Amino acid sequence: MIGSDEGEIGPRDPMPSFLHLYVDDADATYQRALRAGAESLEEPCDVPYGDRRAMVKDPCGNDWQIATHKGVVLEN
């Protein structure tokens, strides 16, 4: 996904990353990531600040937070 720990990579050791991505459809992107070998960390859910969000870990150890902004949430 982002990188691999196989072979020569240079002067630094591999280090996992945390990435936050806005996509058109968080549910579909989450399912696609699982089919590509990602591990589920959080199933898609609606969060109070107006996003639909999910989290996965790719085979290289990177965490991906996948979100779709659904709209602004107004408090009464």
N, C-alpha and C. Protein backbone atom coordinates (compact mmCIF):
# COMPACT_ATOMS: atom_id res chain seq x y z
N MET A 1 0.83 -1.18 0.00
CA MET A 1 0.00 0.00 0.00
C MET A 1 0.88 1.25 0.00
N ILE A 2 1.51 1.61 1.12
CA ILE A 2 2.40 2.76 1.14
C ILE A 2 3.83 2.31 0.86
N GLY A 3 4.24 1.20 1.45
CA GLY A 3 5.60 0.72 1.25
C GLY A 3 5.76 -0.68 1.76
N SER A 4 6.94 -1.20 1.59
CA SER A 4 7.23 -2.57 2.00
C SER A 4 8.55 -2.58 2.74
N ASP A 5 8.71 -3.54 3.66
CA ASP A 5 9.97 -3.66 4.37
C ASP A 5 10.91 -4.65 3.69
N GLU A 6 10.60 -5.03 2.47
CA GLU A 6 11.44 -5.96 1.73
C GLU A 6 12.49 -5.21 0.93
N GLY A 7 13.74 -5.70 0.97
CA GLY A 7 14.79 -5.11 0.14
C GLY A 7 15.41 -3.88 0.75
N GLU A 8 16.31 -3.28 0.02
CA GLU A 8 17.03 -2.09 0.46
C GLU A 8 16.13 -0.86 0.35
N ILE A 9 15.99 -0.12 1.43
CA ILE A 9 15.11 1.05 1.40
C ILE A 9 15.83 2.35 1.70
N GLY A 10 17.10 2.29 2.06
CA GLY A 10 17.83 3.52 2.35
C GLY A 10 18.28 3.60 3.78
N PRO A 11 18.62 4.80 4.25
CA PRO A 11 19.23 4.95 5.57
C PRO A 11 18.27 4.86 6.74
N ARG A 12 16.99 4.82 6.52
CA ARG A 12 16.03 4.78 7.62
C ARG A 12 15.27 3.46 7.63
N ASP A 13 14.93 3.02 8.83
CA ASP A 13 14.11 1.82 8.98
C ASP A 13 12.67 2.14 8.60
N PRO A 14 11.91 1.13 8.13
CA PRO A 14 10.49 1.36 7.82
C PRO A 14 9.74 1.77 9.09
N MET A 15 8.76 2.64 8.93
CA MET A 15 7.97 3.11 10.05
C MET A 15 6.52 3.23 9.60
N PRO A 16 5.59 2.61 10.31
CA PRO A 16 4.19 2.73 9.90
C PRO A 16 3.68 4.17 10.05
N SER A 17 2.64 4.47 9.29
CA SER A 17 2.05 5.81 9.28
C SER A 17 0.58 5.74 9.66
N PHE A 18 0.02 6.87 10.06
CA PHE A 18 -1.41 7.03 10.26
C PHE A 18 -1.88 8.04 9.23
N LEU A 19 -2.82 7.63 8.37
CA LEU A 19 -3.29 8.50 7.30
C LEU A 19 -4.80 8.70 7.43
N HIS A 20 -5.25 9.91 7.19
CA HIS A 20 -6.67 10.24 7.20
C HIS A 20 -7.05 10.67 5.79
N LEU A 21 -8.04 9.98 5.23
CA LEU A 21 -8.43 10.20 3.84
C LEU A 21 -9.91 10.50 3.75
N TYR A 22 -10.27 11.58 3.04
CA TYR A 22 -11.68 11.82 2.71
C TYR A 22 -11.94 11.23 1.33
N VAL A 23 -13.00 10.43 1.23
CA VAL A 23 -13.38 9.75 -0.01
C VAL A 23 -14.86 9.99 -0.27
N ASP A 24 -15.32 9.67 -1.48
CA ASP A 24 -16.74 9.84 -1.82
C ASP A 24 -17.64 8.87 -1.07
N ASP A 25 -17.15 7.65 -0.80
CA ASP A 25 -17.97 6.62 -0.17
C ASP A 25 -17.11 5.81 0.80
N ALA A 26 -17.17 6.16 2.09
CA ALA A 26 -16.35 5.49 3.10
C ALA A 26 -16.67 4.00 3.20
N ASP A 27 -17.93 3.64 3.07
CA ASP A 27 -18.31 2.22 3.18
C ASP A 27 -17.70 1.40 2.05
N ALA A 28 -17.80 1.89 0.82
CA ALA A 28 -17.26 1.16 -0.33
C ALA A 28 -15.73 1.09 -0.27
N THR A 29 -15.09 2.18 0.14
CA THR A 29 -13.63 2.19 0.25
C THR A 29 -13.16 1.24 1.33
N TYR A 30 -13.88 1.19 2.45
CA TYR A 30 -13.58 0.25 3.54
C TYR A 30 -13.65 -1.20 3.03
N GLN A 31 -14.72 -1.54 2.31
CA GLN A 31 -14.88 -2.90 1.78
C GLN A 31 -13.77 -3.22 0.77
N ARG A 32 -13.41 -2.25 -0.05
CA ARG A 32 -12.34 -2.45 -1.03
C ARG A 32 -11.00 -2.71 -0.32
N ALA A 33 -10.74 -1.96 0.75
CA ALA A 33 -9.50 -2.16 1.51
C ALA A 33 -9.45 -3.56 2.12
N LEU A 34 -10.58 -4.03 2.66
CA LEU A 34 -10.63 -5.38 3.23
C LEU A 34 -10.34 -6.43 2.16
N ARG A 35 -10.93 -6.27 0.98
CA ARG A 35 -10.68 -7.21 -0.12
C ARG A 35 -9.22 -7.20 -0.56
N ALA A 36 -8.55 -6.06 -0.37
CA ALA A 36 -7.14 -5.94 -0.75
C ALA A 36 -6.19 -6.44 0.34
N GLY A 37 -6.75 -6.93 1.45
CA GLY A 37 -5.91 -7.51 2.49
C GLY A 37 -5.77 -6.70 3.76
N ALA A 38 -6.49 -5.58 3.87
CA ALA A 38 -6.43 -4.77 5.09
C ALA A 38 -7.16 -5.46 6.23
N GLU A 39 -6.78 -5.12 7.44
CA GLU A 39 -7.44 -5.61 8.66
C GLU A 39 -8.36 -4.51 9.18
N SER A 40 -9.58 -4.86 9.56
CA SER A 40 -10.52 -3.88 10.08
C SER A 40 -10.12 -3.45 11.49
N LEU A 41 -10.05 -2.14 11.71
CA LEU A 41 -9.83 -1.58 13.04
C LEU A 41 -11.11 -0.96 13.58
N GLU A 42 -11.96 -0.45 12.67
CA GLU A 42 -13.23 0.17 13.05
C GLU A 42 -14.17 0.07 11.86
N GLU A 43 -15.31 -0.56 12.04
CA GLU A 43 -16.30 -0.63 10.97
C GLU A 43 -16.87 0.76 10.71
N PRO A 44 -17.39 1.01 9.50
CA PRO A 44 -17.97 2.32 9.21
C PRO A 44 -19.05 2.71 10.21
N CYS A 45 -18.97 3.96 10.67
CA CYS A 45 -19.96 4.46 11.63
C CYS A 45 -20.08 5.97 11.45
N ASP A 46 -21.21 6.51 11.87
CA ASP A 46 -21.43 7.95 11.85
C ASP A 46 -20.86 8.54 13.14
N VAL A 47 -20.12 9.63 13.01
CA VAL A 47 -19.54 10.28 14.19
C VAL A 47 -20.18 11.65 14.38
N PRO A 48 -20.15 12.18 15.61
CA PRO A 48 -20.91 13.39 15.94
C PRO A 48 -20.57 14.63 15.12
N TYR A 49 -19.40 14.71 14.53
CA TYR A 49 -19.01 15.92 13.81
C TYR A 49 -19.35 15.87 12.32
N GLY A 50 -20.21 14.91 11.91
CA GLY A 50 -20.76 14.93 10.56
C GLY A 50 -20.06 14.04 9.55
N ASP A 51 -19.12 13.22 9.99
CA ASP A 51 -18.45 12.28 9.08
C ASP A 51 -18.99 10.87 9.25
N ARG A 52 -18.85 10.08 8.21
CA ARG A 52 -19.00 8.63 8.29
C ARG A 52 -17.58 8.11 8.17
N ARG A 53 -17.13 7.31 9.14
CA ARG A 53 -15.71 6.99 9.27
C ARG A 53 -15.50 5.50 9.51
N ALA A 54 -14.38 4.99 9.00
CA ALA A 54 -13.94 3.63 9.25
C ALA A 54 -12.42 3.65 9.38
N MET A 55 -11.84 2.57 9.94
CA MET A 55 -10.38 2.49 10.04
C MET A 55 -9.92 1.08 9.68
N VAL A 56 -8.79 1.04 8.96
CA VAL A 56 -8.17 -0.25 8.59
C VAL A 56 -6.66 -0.15 8.79
N LYS A 57 -6.02 -1.33 8.88
CA LYS A 57 -4.56 -1.43 8.91
C LYS A 57 -4.16 -2.21 7.67
N ASP A 58 -3.27 -1.64 6.85
CA ASP A 58 -2.84 -2.33 5.64
C ASP A 58 -1.76 -3.38 5.97
N PRO A 59 -1.44 -4.25 5.02
CA PRO A 59 -0.47 -5.32 5.29
C PRO A 59 0.92 -4.81 5.68
N CYS A 60 1.24 -3.56 5.41
CA CYS A 60 2.55 -2.99 5.78
C CYS A 60 2.52 -2.33 7.15
N GLY A 61 1.36 -2.36 7.82
CA GLY A 61 1.25 -1.81 9.17
C GLY A 61 0.79 -0.37 9.26
N ASN A 62 0.40 0.23 8.13
CA ASN A 62 -0.10 1.61 8.14
C ASN A 62 -1.58 1.63 8.52
N ASP A 63 -1.97 2.56 9.38
CA ASP A 63 -3.37 2.74 9.75
C ASP A 63 -3.99 3.80 8.85
N TRP A 64 -5.17 3.48 8.33
CA TRP A 64 -5.91 4.39 7.44
C TRP A 64 -7.25 4.72 8.09
N GLN A 65 -7.53 5.99 8.28
CA GLN A 65 -8.85 6.43 8.70
C GLN A 65 -9.53 6.95 7.45
N ILE A 66 -10.62 6.30 7.08
CA ILE A 66 -11.34 6.58 5.83
C ILE A 66 -12.64 7.29 6.20
N ALA A 67 -12.90 8.44 5.60
CA ALA A 67 -14.09 9.19 5.99
C ALA A 67 -14.78 9.83 4.79
N THR A 68 -16.10 10.00 4.94
CA THR A 68 -16.91 10.77 4.02
C THR A 68 -17.62 11.82 4.85
N HIS A 69 -17.50 13.09 4.46
CA HIS A 69 -18.19 14.15 5.21
C HIS A 69 -19.66 14.16 4.78
N LYS A 70 -20.55 13.95 5.75
CA LYS A 70 -21.98 13.86 5.46
C LYS A 70 -22.68 15.21 5.63
N GLY A 71 -22.12 16.11 6.38
CA GLY A 71 -22.75 17.41 6.59
C GLY A 71 -22.44 17.94 7.98
N VAL A 72 -22.73 19.20 8.16
CA VAL A 72 -22.48 19.85 9.45
C VAL A 72 -23.56 19.44 10.42
N VAL A 73 -23.15 19.11 11.63
CA VAL A 73 -24.09 18.73 12.70
C VAL A 73 -24.35 19.97 13.56
N LEU A 74 -25.59 20.36 13.67
CA LEU A 74 -25.97 21.50 14.50
C LEU A 74 -26.54 21.03 15.82
N GLU A 75 -26.09 21.61 16.90
CA GLU A 75 -26.63 21.26 18.21
C GLU A 75 -27.79 22.17 18.52
N ASN A 76 -28.81 21.62 19.20
CA ASN A 76 -29.99 22.41 19.59
C ASN A 76 -29.73 23.23 20.81
